[in-house]
Amino acid sequence: MERKEIICIYDEVLTGKRKQFPNGMFTGVSGKQYLGHITRYLIEEKLKIPIHEIPHKVKAETLWNHRLRPGAQAQGWKYFDLIDNAYEGQFQPFDFYQVPQGYWQGAKGRHLAIEAMKYVIESKCKLPLEQIPLKVNHQFFKQHNLVGVFCLFDQSPYTAMDAVYPGVFKPWQFANVPMNCWKETKYVDETMDWLLFTQLYCRSYEEAIRKIRKTHFFEYKLTGLLQVAFDYRMKNVKKWIVARLEDDTLNKLKEDIN
C-alpha cells in the first residue's frame, strides 16, 4: 500500500469509520513500514509535535490513545520500539521520561546503564574528565532522565562514575560523598594528604600543622570529613597530622638502619 492509503485507513480508525485495522496489516517488514508512516503522521501532522520535543511530549499513553497499540503488539514492540522504528537512531531509550520496563535490570541492564552514562557525559554534554566530579550530581541524573540508573548505583555519583571510569576518581572528589566514606581510614588519609599537599601546597607535615585552618575544610567542601573523622575539632585534625609525622619519622629511621 502507498502512504496515502495507509494514512487514510488510520484516519478512518481514529474517527470510528473503521472498527479496526485490516487483518495482518502490521505484520512482517511491510507492517514495520506502515507503522513508521502512521507514527510519523500522528506525531508530526496530527499532534504537531516537533521532532526534538518527542522525548518530552510523547509517552506510551500518547501512542496507545491514538490506536497504535495493535500495531506494536503485532510486532512484539514496546512504545519506544515504535518510535525508534519511525525515527531510527535519532533517540535513545533514556532520552524519554518512560524508560522501557526492566531496561536497567540484570547484567545487561547494568551494561546499558554504564553505556548510557558514558553517552550523556561524552557525546551529549561533552564533559572533560576533570569536570565530572563538579558537574555529575543528583540533579545531573534527574536532568538527563537517568534516575533509574542513579538508583542502580545506590544514588551515589561516585559509585556511578566509578562504574563508567574505574579507578579514575576518588569518592571525596564529589560533592555527595558515599555513605560511611569518612569512617574509612584509607579515604581519610587520602583526602587529608590531597588537601595538605595538593591544595594547600604544604611541603611537610610540620608545615601542615602550622598552616591548616578550619576554613580550609569549608573552602574545599570537606565539611563531612571534618565532622565525621575529626568531630569538627581542629585539635583532632592536628593529632592526625602529628601521627602521620611520627609514622614518617619512624619509617625514615628504619630506612637508615637498613
Protein backbone atom coordinates (compact mmCIF):
# COMPACT_ATOMS: atom_id res chain seq x y z
CA MET A 1 0.00 0.00 0.00
CA GLU A 2 1.04 3.57 -0.63
CA ARG A 3 1.49 6.02 2.27
CA LYS A 4 -1.68 7.94 1.28
CA GLU A 5 -3.79 4.80 1.53
CA ILE A 6 -2.22 3.80 4.85
CA ILE A 7 -2.91 7.23 6.35
CA CYS A 8 -6.49 7.12 5.05
CA ILE A 9 -7.08 3.79 6.82
CA TYR A 10 -5.54 5.17 10.01
CA ASP A 11 -7.76 8.26 9.94
CA GLU A 12 -10.83 6.07 9.49
CA VAL A 13 -9.82 4.00 12.53
CA LEU A 14 -9.26 7.16 14.59
CA THR A 15 -12.64 8.66 13.63
CA GLY A 16 -14.52 5.39 14.11
CA LYS A 17 -15.40 4.83 10.45
CA ARG A 18 -13.47 1.58 10.80
CA LYS A 19 -13.67 -0.57 13.90
CA GLN A 20 -10.17 -1.92 13.43
CA PHE A 21 -7.20 -2.13 11.08
CA PRO A 22 -7.25 -4.74 8.29
CA ASN A 23 -6.09 -8.20 9.41
CA GLY A 24 -2.32 -8.67 9.09
CA MET A 25 -1.70 -5.02 8.19
CA PHE A 26 1.13 -4.66 10.69
CA THR A 27 2.90 -7.99 10.32
CA GLY A 28 6.27 -8.53 8.67
CA VAL A 29 8.56 -5.99 7.01
CA SER A 30 5.73 -4.14 5.29
CA GLY A 31 3.97 -3.82 8.66
CA LYS A 32 7.03 -2.06 10.10
CA GLN A 33 6.98 0.34 7.18
CA TYR A 34 3.28 1.07 7.61
CA LEU A 35 3.78 1.68 11.34
CA GLY A 36 6.60 4.09 10.55
CA HIS A 37 4.33 6.12 8.26
CA ILE A 38 1.49 6.18 10.79
CA THR A 39 3.71 7.06 13.77
CA ARG A 40 5.31 9.98 11.97
CA TYR A 41 1.91 11.15 10.68
CA LEU A 42 0.44 11.07 14.18
CA ILE A 43 3.32 12.89 15.86
CA GLU A 44 4.20 15.46 13.22
CA GLU A 45 0.88 16.16 11.46
CA LYS A 46 -1.93 15.26 13.86
CA LEU A 47 -0.27 16.28 17.14
CA LYS A 48 2.16 18.76 15.56
CA ILE A 49 4.99 17.85 17.92
CA PRO A 50 8.44 19.00 16.73
CA ILE A 51 10.85 16.09 16.40
CA HIS A 52 13.26 17.44 19.04
CA GLU A 53 10.40 17.57 21.58
CA ILE A 54 9.30 13.95 21.08
CA PRO A 55 11.12 12.59 24.18
CA HIS A 56 9.36 15.14 26.40
CA LYS A 57 5.89 15.09 24.85
CA VAL A 58 5.32 11.57 23.50
CA LYS A 59 4.53 8.97 26.15
CA ALA A 60 3.23 5.44 25.82
CA GLU A 61 -0.30 6.60 26.50
CA THR A 62 0.04 9.14 23.69
CA LEU A 63 0.51 6.33 21.18
CA TRP A 64 -1.93 3.89 22.75
CA ASN A 65 -4.69 6.51 22.98
CA HIS A 66 -4.28 7.04 19.25
CA ARG A 67 -4.81 3.38 18.37
CA LEU A 68 -1.20 2.32 17.81
CA ARG A 69 -1.16 -0.46 20.40
CA PRO A 70 -2.41 -3.16 17.93
CA GLY A 71 0.42 -2.39 15.55
CA ALA A 72 3.02 -2.50 18.33
CA GLN A 73 1.60 -5.80 19.60
CA ALA A 74 1.73 -7.30 16.10
CA GLN A 75 5.48 -6.63 16.04
CA GLY A 76 6.04 -7.50 19.72
CA TRP A 77 7.15 -3.95 20.45
CA LYS A 78 7.07 -1.60 23.41
CA TYR A 79 6.35 2.05 22.86
CA PHE A 80 9.98 3.09 22.39
CA ASP A 81 10.38 0.45 19.66
CA LEU A 82 7.52 2.11 17.81
CA ILE A 83 9.25 5.48 17.97
CA ASP A 84 12.64 4.04 17.05
CA ASN A 85 11.06 2.37 14.02
CA ALA A 86 9.77 5.75 12.84
CA TYR A 87 12.87 7.75 13.78
CA GLU A 88 15.63 5.18 13.56
CA GLY A 89 18.73 6.08 15.55
CA GLN A 90 17.55 9.58 16.45
CA PHE A 91 16.73 8.81 20.08
CA GLN A 92 17.99 6.69 22.97
CA PRO A 93 15.54 4.95 25.35
CA PHE A 94 16.86 7.05 28.24
CA ASP A 95 16.01 10.27 26.39
CA PHE A 96 12.40 9.60 27.39
CA TYR A 97 10.72 10.01 30.76
CA GLN A 98 9.40 6.45 30.42
CA VAL A 99 12.26 4.00 30.01
CA PRO A 100 11.02 0.56 28.88
CA GLN A 101 10.14 -1.62 31.87
CA GLY A 102 13.09 -3.71 33.04
CA TYR A 103 15.53 -1.79 30.84
CA TRP A 104 18.10 -1.30 33.64
CA GLN A 105 17.69 -4.73 35.27
CA GLY A 106 20.26 -7.54 35.44
CA ALA A 107 23.77 -7.69 34.00
CA LYS A 108 22.55 -6.44 30.63
CA GLY A 109 20.74 -3.54 32.31
CA ARG A 110 23.90 -2.58 34.21
CA HIS A 111 25.87 -2.60 30.95
CA LEU A 112 23.22 -0.42 29.30
CA ALA A 113 23.30 1.94 32.29
CA ILE A 114 27.07 2.37 32.00
CA GLU A 115 26.82 2.97 28.26
CA ALA A 116 24.00 5.48 28.82
CA MET A 117 26.01 7.49 31.34
CA LYS A 118 29.07 7.45 29.10
CA TYR A 119 26.98 8.62 26.13
CA VAL A 120 25.45 11.51 28.10
CA ILE A 121 28.80 12.62 29.53
CA GLU A 122 30.95 12.29 26.42
CA SER A 123 28.59 12.78 23.48
CA LYS A 124 25.68 14.80 24.81
CA CYS A 125 27.38 17.04 27.40
CA LYS A 126 31.00 16.69 26.21
CA LEU A 127 32.27 16.91 29.78
CA PRO A 128 36.07 16.76 30.26
CA LEU A 129 37.11 14.18 32.87
CA GLU A 130 38.27 16.84 35.32
CA GLN A 131 34.79 18.44 35.37
CA ILE A 132 32.89 15.24 36.10
CA PRO A 133 33.14 15.46 39.93
CA LEU A 134 31.89 19.05 39.76
CA LYS A 135 29.06 18.51 37.28
CA VAL A 136 27.78 14.99 38.00
CA ASN A 137 25.45 15.17 40.97
CA HIS A 138 21.87 14.23 41.89
CA GLN A 139 20.47 16.94 39.60
CA PHE A 140 22.56 15.71 36.66
CA PHE A 141 20.88 12.29 36.71
CA LYS A 142 17.43 13.85 37.01
CA GLN A 143 18.09 16.33 34.20
CA HIS A 144 19.14 13.59 31.78
CA ASN A 145 16.37 11.11 32.66
CA LEU A 146 18.81 8.75 34.39
CA VAL A 147 17.05 8.49 37.74
CA GLY A 148 16.67 4.73 37.26
CA VAL A 149 20.41 4.47 36.65
CA PHE A 150 21.11 6.58 39.74
CA CYS A 151 19.10 4.17 41.88
CA LEU A 152 21.01 1.26 40.35
CA PHE A 153 24.23 2.72 41.79
CA ASP A 154 22.85 3.45 45.28
CA GLN A 155 22.18 7.11 44.43
CA SER A 156 25.91 7.82 44.62
CA PRO A 157 27.51 9.95 41.87
CA TYR A 158 30.91 8.49 42.77
CA THR A 159 29.73 4.87 42.60
CA ALA A 160 28.10 5.55 39.24
CA MET A 161 31.16 7.29 37.79
CA ASP A 162 33.49 4.61 39.14
CA ALA A 163 31.48 2.08 37.13
CA VAL A 164 31.96 4.16 33.97
CA TYR A 165 35.60 5.14 34.60
CA PRO A 166 37.04 2.52 37.03
CA GLY A 167 39.74 3.88 39.32
CA VAL A 168 39.80 7.38 37.79
CA PHE A 169 38.08 9.23 40.63
CA LYS A 170 38.13 9.25 44.42
CA PRO A 171 34.91 9.38 46.48
CA TRP A 172 35.88 12.63 48.17
CA GLN A 173 36.16 14.48 44.85
CA PHE A 174 32.35 14.53 44.61
CA ALA A 175 30.04 16.88 46.48
CA ASN A 176 27.85 13.93 47.52
CA VAL A 177 30.32 11.62 49.22
CA PRO A 178 29.20 7.96 49.57
CA MET A 179 27.76 6.98 52.94
CA ASN A 180 30.40 5.96 55.53
CA CYS A 181 33.26 7.19 53.33
CA TRP A 182 34.72 9.28 56.15
CA LYS A 183 34.67 6.30 58.51
CA GLU A 184 37.28 4.52 56.38
CA THR A 185 40.89 5.31 57.30
CA LYS A 186 42.01 4.88 53.68
CA TYR A 187 39.79 7.69 52.40
CA VAL A 188 40.51 9.98 55.35
CA ASP A 189 44.26 9.61 54.78
CA GLU A 190 44.00 10.10 51.00
CA THR A 191 41.82 13.17 51.34
CA MET A 192 43.92 14.81 54.03
CA ASP A 193 47.10 14.32 52.00
CA TRP A 194 45.32 15.75 48.94
CA LEU A 195 44.18 18.77 50.94
CA LEU A 196 47.53 19.43 52.59
CA PHE A 197 49.92 18.80 49.74
CA THR A 198 47.92 19.31 46.52
CA GLN A 199 45.60 22.14 47.52
CA LEU A 200 47.48 23.94 50.33
CA TYR A 201 50.95 23.22 48.90
CA CYS A 202 52.42 22.18 52.23
CA ARG A 203 55.94 20.80 51.85
CA SER A 204 55.82 18.69 55.00
CA TYR A 205 53.55 17.65 57.85
CA GLU A 206 55.43 20.12 60.07
CA GLU A 207 54.34 22.96 57.79
CA ALA A 208 50.82 21.50 57.57
CA ILE A 209 50.35 21.76 61.36
CA ARG A 210 51.10 25.47 61.19
CA LYS A 211 49.10 26.15 58.03
CA ILE A 212 45.86 24.15 58.31
CA ARG A 213 42.71 26.06 59.29
CA LYS A 214 39.09 25.06 59.79
CA THR A 215 38.10 27.35 56.91
CA HIS A 216 40.07 25.12 54.53
CA PHE A 217 37.58 22.30 55.07
CA PHE A 218 34.72 24.61 54.12
CA GLU A 219 36.60 26.07 51.16
CA TYR A 220 37.29 22.65 49.65
CA LYS A 221 33.85 21.23 50.51
CA LEU A 222 35.22 18.79 53.08
CA THR A 223 32.94 19.61 55.99
CA GLY A 224 31.78 15.98 56.07
CA LEU A 225 35.37 14.88 56.64
CA LEU A 226 35.81 17.45 59.41
CA GLN A 227 32.57 16.41 61.07
CA VAL A 228 32.76 12.61 60.86
CA ALA A 229 36.50 11.92 61.08
CA PHE A 230 37.50 14.77 63.39
CA ASP A 231 34.32 15.70 65.29
CA TYR A 232 34.60 19.29 63.99
CA ARG A 233 37.70 19.83 66.14
CA MET A 234 40.96 21.19 64.76
CA LYS A 235 42.67 19.63 67.76
CA ASN A 236 41.81 16.21 66.30
CA VAL A 237 42.98 17.28 62.85
CA LYS A 238 46.36 18.25 64.24
CA LYS A 239 46.55 14.96 66.15
CA TRP A 240 46.10 13.16 62.84
CA ILE A 241 48.92 15.23 61.28
CA VAL A 242 51.23 14.55 64.24
CA ALA A 243 50.55 10.82 63.93
CA ARG A 244 51.45 10.94 60.22
CA LEU A 245 54.58 12.90 61.07
CA GLU A 246 55.60 10.30 63.63
CA ASP A 247 54.98 7.49 61.14
CA ASP A 248 57.16 9.26 58.57
CA THR A 249 59.93 9.79 61.12
CA LEU A 250 59.81 6.15 62.19
CA ASN A 251 59.93 4.94 58.59
CA LYS A 252 62.95 7.12 57.86
CA LEU A 253 64.74 5.72 60.92
CA LYS A 254 64.04 2.19 59.73
CA GLU A 255 65.43 3.02 56.31
CA ASP A 256 68.60 4.49 57.87
CA ILE A 257 69.08 1.38 59.98
CA ASN A 258 68.69 -0.90 56.97
